[in-house]
Amino acid sequence: MGSSKYFTLKEARLSNNCPECYSNDGLEITFKQKLTENIFYKAITSETTLQMHCYSCNTTIFPVRWTDDIERVVEYQQRAVQPRPKSIKLKPLAWAFIFFDLLIVTAVILYATGVISFS
């Protein structure tokens, strides 16, 4: 019914040595933020992820392989990244659903108070 996607917040090239191939010009870190969407709304969540990839040896570098230097650079980059604020945007179907519900509630209240009658 709903789907979750990630959009890129920031990409940064790192000059650290790759733990796999020891190249110092191929590391890139990517920060992504989660976007959830269904038929009623589209929402940006506060969940962020990061991924590190070496373009010299074409491998993904997982946190277990990070050196102390890489961890320090990642912490610095995390402080520099500004995630978008949490938000929600209602789609037209949601607005129609809300309007229809308000219309029904109003009709029920008016009928219960005797303002309108169906006889």
N, C-alpha and C. Protein backbone atom coordinates (compact mmCIF):
# COMPACT_ATOMS: atom_id res chain seq x y z
N MET A 1 0.83 -1.18 0.00
CA MET A 1 0.00 0.00 0.00
C MET A 1 0.87 1.25 0.00
N GLY A 2 1.82 1.33 0.90
CA GLY A 2 2.71 2.48 0.97
C GLY A 2 4.12 2.08 0.56
N SER A 3 4.90 3.07 0.28
CA SER A 3 6.28 2.79 -0.09
C SER A 3 7.21 3.73 0.65
N SER A 4 8.41 3.27 0.84
CA SER A 4 9.44 4.08 1.48
C SER A 4 10.62 4.21 0.53
N LYS A 5 11.09 5.42 0.39
CA LYS A 5 12.24 5.69 -0.45
C LYS A 5 13.21 6.53 0.37
N TYR A 6 14.42 6.60 -0.10
CA TYR A 6 15.42 7.46 0.51
C TYR A 6 15.89 8.46 -0.53
N PHE A 7 16.03 9.72 -0.12
CA PHE A 7 16.58 10.72 -1.02
C PHE A 7 17.91 11.20 -0.44
N THR A 8 18.80 11.61 -1.32
CA THR A 8 20.16 11.98 -0.94
C THR A 8 20.18 13.37 -0.33
N LEU A 9 20.75 13.44 0.88
CA LEU A 9 20.94 14.71 1.56
C LEU A 9 22.29 15.33 1.19
N LYS A 10 23.32 14.48 1.21
CA LYS A 10 24.66 15.00 0.98
C LYS A 10 25.57 13.86 0.52
N GLU A 11 26.44 14.17 -0.41
CA GLU A 11 27.50 13.25 -0.83
C GLU A 11 28.83 13.96 -0.62
N ALA A 12 29.80 13.24 -0.06
CA ALA A 12 31.11 13.85 0.20
C ALA A 12 32.22 12.87 -0.14
N ARG A 13 33.21 13.36 -0.85
CA ARG A 13 34.40 12.56 -1.15
C ARG A 13 35.34 12.65 0.05
N LEU A 14 35.91 11.52 0.43
CA LEU A 14 36.83 11.47 1.56
C LEU A 14 38.24 11.20 1.05
N SER A 15 39.21 11.75 1.73
CA SER A 15 40.60 11.54 1.33
C SER A 15 41.28 10.48 2.20
N ASN A 16 40.50 9.71 2.94
CA ASN A 16 41.06 8.64 3.77
C ASN A 16 41.40 7.43 2.91
N ASN A 17 42.25 6.57 3.46
CA ASN A 17 42.59 5.33 2.76
C ASN A 17 41.44 4.34 2.87
N CYS A 18 41.15 3.69 1.77
CA CYS A 18 40.12 2.65 1.75
C CYS A 18 40.65 1.44 2.52
N PRO A 19 39.85 0.84 3.43
CA PRO A 19 40.32 -0.33 4.17
C PRO A 19 40.48 -1.57 3.31
N GLU A 20 39.93 -1.57 2.10
CA GLU A 20 40.03 -2.73 1.21
C GLU A 20 41.21 -2.62 0.25
N CYS A 21 41.29 -1.50 -0.47
CA CYS A 21 42.33 -1.38 -1.51
C CYS A 21 43.41 -0.35 -1.16
N TYR A 22 43.27 0.36 -0.06
CA TYR A 22 44.22 1.36 0.43
C TYR A 22 44.41 2.56 -0.49
N SER A 23 43.48 2.76 -1.40
CA SER A 23 43.50 3.95 -2.25
C SER A 23 42.99 5.12 -1.42
N ASN A 24 43.53 6.32 -1.66
CA ASN A 24 43.08 7.46 -0.87
C ASN A 24 42.28 8.48 -1.68
N ASP A 25 41.78 8.09 -2.82
CA ASP A 25 40.99 9.03 -3.61
C ASP A 25 39.65 8.45 -4.09
N GLY A 26 39.23 7.32 -3.55
CA GLY A 26 38.00 6.71 -4.05
C GLY A 26 36.84 6.64 -3.09
N LEU A 27 37.05 7.00 -1.82
CA LEU A 27 35.98 6.87 -0.84
C LEU A 27 34.96 8.00 -0.98
N GLU A 28 33.69 7.62 -0.91
CA GLU A 28 32.61 8.60 -0.93
C GLU A 28 31.56 8.17 0.08
N ILE A 29 31.07 9.13 0.86
CA ILE A 29 30.03 8.86 1.85
C ILE A 29 28.76 9.56 1.39
N THR A 30 27.63 8.86 1.53
CA THR A 30 26.34 9.39 1.11
C THR A 30 25.37 9.33 2.28
N PHE A 31 24.75 10.47 2.58
CA PHE A 31 23.73 10.55 3.62
C PHE A 31 22.37 10.61 2.94
N LYS A 32 21.44 9.78 3.42
CA LYS A 32 20.10 9.74 2.85
C LYS A 32 19.05 9.86 3.95
N GLN A 33 17.89 10.41 3.60
CA GLN A 33 16.79 10.57 4.53
C GLN A 33 15.56 9.85 3.96
N LYS A 34 14.76 9.29 4.86
CA LYS A 34 13.63 8.46 4.46
C LYS A 34 12.40 9.30 4.09
N LEU A 35 11.76 8.91 2.98
CA LEU A 35 10.53 9.53 2.50
C LEU A 35 9.49 8.43 2.39
N THR A 36 8.37 8.58 3.11
CA THR A 36 7.30 7.60 3.11
C THR A 36 6.12 8.17 2.33
N GLU A 37 5.51 7.32 1.49
CA GLU A 37 4.40 7.79 0.67
C GLU A 37 3.35 6.71 0.54
N ASN A 38 2.07 7.11 0.64
CA ASN A 38 0.96 6.23 0.33
C ASN A 38 -0.12 7.04 -0.37
N ILE A 39 -1.34 6.51 -0.49
CA ILE A 39 -2.35 7.22 -1.28
C ILE A 39 -2.90 8.46 -0.57
N PHE A 40 -2.69 8.57 0.74
CA PHE A 40 -3.23 9.71 1.49
C PHE A 40 -2.21 10.80 1.77
N TYR A 41 -0.95 10.46 1.93
CA TYR A 41 0.04 11.48 2.30
C TYR A 41 1.43 11.12 1.82
N LYS A 42 2.29 12.14 1.89
CA LYS A 42 3.73 11.99 1.63
C LYS A 42 4.43 12.62 2.82
N ALA A 43 5.34 11.88 3.46
CA ALA A 43 5.97 12.37 4.68
C ALA A 43 7.47 12.17 4.65
N ILE A 44 8.18 13.16 5.16
CA ILE A 44 9.61 13.05 5.37
C ILE A 44 9.81 12.69 6.83
N THR A 45 10.51 11.61 7.10
CA THR A 45 10.74 11.18 8.47
C THR A 45 12.10 11.69 8.95
N SER A 46 12.37 11.49 10.22
CA SER A 46 13.66 11.93 10.77
C SER A 46 14.74 10.86 10.61
N GLU A 47 14.39 9.72 10.05
CA GLU A 47 15.34 8.62 9.89
C GLU A 47 16.34 8.92 8.78
N THR A 48 17.62 8.85 9.11
CA THR A 48 18.68 9.06 8.13
C THR A 48 19.60 7.85 8.13
N THR A 49 20.22 7.60 6.99
CA THR A 49 21.19 6.52 6.86
C THR A 49 22.44 7.07 6.18
N LEU A 50 23.51 6.33 6.32
CA LEU A 50 24.72 6.69 5.60
C LEU A 50 25.32 5.44 4.98
N GLN A 51 25.97 5.66 3.85
CA GLN A 51 26.59 4.58 3.10
C GLN A 51 27.96 5.06 2.64
N MET A 52 28.95 4.17 2.74
CA MET A 52 30.28 4.51 2.26
C MET A 52 30.66 3.54 1.15
N HIS A 53 31.18 4.10 0.07
CA HIS A 53 31.52 3.29 -1.10
C HIS A 53 32.88 3.72 -1.62
N CYS A 54 33.67 2.74 -2.04
CA CYS A 54 34.97 3.03 -2.65
C CYS A 54 34.84 2.82 -4.15
N TYR A 55 35.11 3.88 -4.91
CA TYR A 55 35.00 3.79 -6.36
C TYR A 55 36.27 3.25 -7.00
N SER A 56 37.35 3.13 -6.24
CA SER A 56 38.59 2.54 -6.79
C SER A 56 38.47 1.02 -6.89
N CYS A 57 37.98 0.39 -5.80
CA CYS A 57 37.83 -1.07 -5.82
C CYS A 57 36.37 -1.50 -5.97
N ASN A 58 35.45 -0.53 -6.09
CA ASN A 58 34.02 -0.78 -6.31
C ASN A 58 33.41 -1.67 -5.22
N THR A 59 33.65 -1.31 -3.96
CA THR A 59 33.06 -2.06 -2.84
C THR A 59 32.37 -1.10 -1.88
N THR A 60 31.38 -1.64 -1.18
CA THR A 60 30.72 -0.90 -0.12
C THR A 60 31.50 -1.15 1.16
N ILE A 61 31.83 -0.08 1.87
CA ILE A 61 32.60 -0.19 3.10
C ILE A 61 31.62 -0.11 4.27
N PHE A 62 31.48 -1.21 4.99
CA PHE A 62 30.57 -1.27 6.13
C PHE A 62 31.27 -0.76 7.38
N PRO A 63 30.51 -0.29 8.37
CA PRO A 63 31.12 0.31 9.58
C PRO A 63 32.09 -0.59 10.32
N VAL A 64 31.95 -1.89 10.21
CA VAL A 64 32.86 -2.78 10.92
C VAL A 64 34.29 -2.69 10.36
N ARG A 65 34.43 -2.22 9.13
CA ARG A 65 35.75 -2.11 8.49
C ARG A 65 36.36 -0.71 8.61
N TRP A 66 35.63 0.23 9.23
CA TRP A 66 36.13 1.59 9.33
C TRP A 66 37.32 1.66 10.28
N THR A 67 38.28 2.48 9.93
CA THR A 67 39.41 2.75 10.82
C THR A 67 39.03 3.92 11.73
N ASP A 68 39.88 4.22 12.70
CA ASP A 68 39.62 5.34 13.61
C ASP A 68 39.57 6.67 12.84
N ASP A 69 40.44 6.80 11.84
CA ASP A 69 40.44 8.02 11.03
C ASP A 69 39.12 8.18 10.27
N ILE A 70 38.65 7.11 9.70
CA ILE A 70 37.39 7.17 8.95
C ILE A 70 36.24 7.50 9.90
N GLU A 71 36.24 6.92 11.09
CA GLU A 71 35.17 7.20 12.06
C GLU A 71 35.15 8.68 12.44
N ARG A 72 36.31 9.28 12.62
CA ARG A 72 36.37 10.70 12.96
C ARG A 72 35.82 11.56 11.82
N VAL A 73 36.17 11.21 10.59
CA VAL A 73 35.69 11.97 9.44
C VAL A 73 34.18 11.80 9.28
N VAL A 74 33.68 10.59 9.53
CA VAL A 74 32.23 10.34 9.43
C VAL A 74 31.49 11.14 10.49
N GLU A 75 32.01 11.19 11.71
CA GLU A 75 31.38 11.99 12.77
C GLU A 75 31.34 13.46 12.39
N TYR A 76 32.42 13.95 11.81
CA TYR A 76 32.46 15.35 11.37
C TYR A 76 31.42 15.60 10.29
N GLN A 77 31.34 14.70 9.31
CA GLN A 77 30.38 14.85 8.22
C GLN A 77 28.94 14.76 8.73
N GLN A 78 28.71 13.92 9.73
CA GLN A 78 27.36 13.81 10.30
C GLN A 78 26.94 15.11 10.98
N ARG A 79 27.87 15.77 11.64
CA ARG A 79 27.55 17.05 12.27
C ARG A 79 27.27 18.12 11.21
N ALA A 80 27.92 18.01 10.06
CA ALA A 80 27.77 19.01 9.01
C ALA A 80 26.48 18.84 8.21
N VAL A 81 25.93 17.64 8.20
CA VAL A 81 24.73 17.38 7.40
C VAL A 81 23.50 17.95 8.11
N GLN A 82 22.64 18.60 7.36
CA GLN A 82 21.41 19.19 7.90
C GLN A 82 20.22 18.44 7.33
N PRO A 83 19.64 17.50 8.09
CA PRO A 83 18.47 16.80 7.57
C PRO A 83 17.27 17.74 7.44
N ARG A 84 16.43 17.43 6.49
CA ARG A 84 15.21 18.22 6.35
C ARG A 84 14.30 17.96 7.53
N PRO A 85 13.53 18.95 7.94
CA PRO A 85 12.64 18.74 9.09
C PRO A 85 11.52 17.75 8.75
N LYS A 86 11.04 17.07 9.79
CA LYS A 86 9.93 16.15 9.59
C LYS A 86 8.74 16.93 9.06
N SER A 87 8.08 16.36 8.06
CA SER A 87 6.92 17.04 7.51
C SER A 87 5.95 16.02 6.93
N ILE A 88 4.72 16.47 6.73
CA ILE A 88 3.70 15.63 6.13
C ILE A 88 2.89 16.50 5.18
N LYS A 89 2.61 15.95 4.02
CA LYS A 89 1.81 16.66 3.03
C LYS A 89 0.65 15.76 2.63
N LEU A 90 -0.56 16.26 2.85
CA LEU A 90 -1.75 15.49 2.51
C LEU A 90 -2.00 15.60 1.01
N LYS A 91 -2.41 14.46 0.43
CA LYS A 91 -2.73 14.42 -0.99
C LYS A 91 -4.21 14.75 -1.18
N PRO A 92 -4.64 15.04 -2.41
CA PRO A 92 -6.04 15.42 -2.65
C PRO A 92 -7.06 14.38 -2.16
N LEU A 93 -6.73 13.11 -2.24
CA LEU A 93 -7.66 12.08 -1.76
C LEU A 93 -7.88 12.20 -0.25
N ALA A 94 -6.86 12.53 0.49
CA ALA A 94 -6.99 12.71 1.94
C ALA A 94 -7.86 13.92 2.24
N TRP A 95 -7.65 15.01 1.51
CA TRP A 95 -8.49 16.20 1.72
C TRP A 95 -9.95 15.90 1.40
N ALA A 96 -10.21 15.14 0.32
CA ALA A 96 -11.58 14.77 -0.02
C ALA A 96 -12.19 13.90 1.06
N PHE A 97 -11.42 12.98 1.61
CA PHE A 97 -11.89 12.11 2.68
C PHE A 97 -12.24 12.93 3.93
N ILE A 98 -11.40 13.87 4.30
CA ILE A 98 -11.65 14.74 5.46
C ILE A 98 -12.91 15.58 5.23
N PHE A 99 -13.03 16.17 4.04
CA PHE A 99 -14.20 17.00 3.73
C PHE A 99 -15.48 16.17 3.79
N PHE A 100 -15.46 14.96 3.23
CA PHE A 100 -16.63 14.09 3.23
C PHE A 100 -17.00 13.70 4.66
N ASP A 101 -16.02 13.39 5.50
CA ASP A 101 -16.29 13.06 6.90
C ASP A 101 -16.91 14.24 7.65
N LEU A 102 -16.38 15.44 7.44
CA LEU A 102 -16.93 16.63 8.08
C LEU A 102 -18.37 16.88 7.63
N LEU A 103 -18.64 16.64 6.37
CA LEU A 103 -20.00 16.80 5.85
C LEU A 103 -20.97 15.83 6.52
N ILE A 104 -20.56 14.59 6.69
CA ILE A 104 -21.41 13.58 7.34
C ILE A 104 -21.62 13.93 8.81
N VAL A 105 -20.57 14.31 9.51
CA VAL A 105 -20.69 14.67 10.93
C VAL A 105 -21.61 15.87 11.10
N THR A 106 -21.49 16.86 10.24
CA THR A 106 -22.36 18.03 10.30
C THR A 106 -23.82 17.64 10.07
N ALA A 107 -24.07 16.79 9.10
CA ALA A 107 -25.45 16.35 8.82
C ALA A 107 -26.03 15.58 10.00
N VAL A 108 -25.23 14.72 10.63
CA VAL A 108 -25.71 13.95 11.78
C VAL A 108 -26.02 14.88 12.95
N ILE A 109 -25.19 15.85 13.21
CA ILE A 109 -25.42 16.80 14.31
C ILE A 109 -26.67 17.63 14.05
N LEU A 110 -26.81 18.12 12.82
CA LEU A 110 -28.00 18.91 12.49
C LEU A 110 -29.27 18.08 12.59
N TYR A 111 -29.21 16.82 12.18
CA TYR A 111 -30.38 15.94 12.29
C TYR A 111 -30.69 15.63 13.75
N ALA A 112 -29.67 15.40 14.57
CA ALA A 112 -29.87 15.06 15.99
C ALA A 112 -30.44 16.26 16.76
N THR A 113 -30.07 17.46 16.39
CA THR A 113 -30.58 18.64 17.09
C THR A 113 -31.93 19.08 16.56
N GLY A 114 -32.38 18.50 15.45
CA GLY A 114 -33.69 18.81 14.89
C GLY A 114 -33.69 20.00 13.95
N VAL A 115 -32.53 20.49 13.57
CA VAL A 115 -32.45 21.61 12.62
C VAL A 115 -32.95 21.19 11.25
N ILE A 116 -32.59 19.97 10.84
CA ILE A 116 -33.08 19.41 9.57
C ILE A 116 -33.78 18.10 9.85
N SER A 117 -34.73 17.76 9.02
CA SER A 117 -35.41 16.48 9.14
C SER A 117 -35.67 15.91 7.75
N PHE A 118 -35.74 14.60 7.66
CA PHE A 118 -35.93 13.92 6.39
C PHE A 118 -37.32 13.28 6.34
N SER A 119 -38.37 14.04 6.57
CA SER A 119 -39.71 13.46 6.52
C SER A 119 -40.62 14.19 5.57
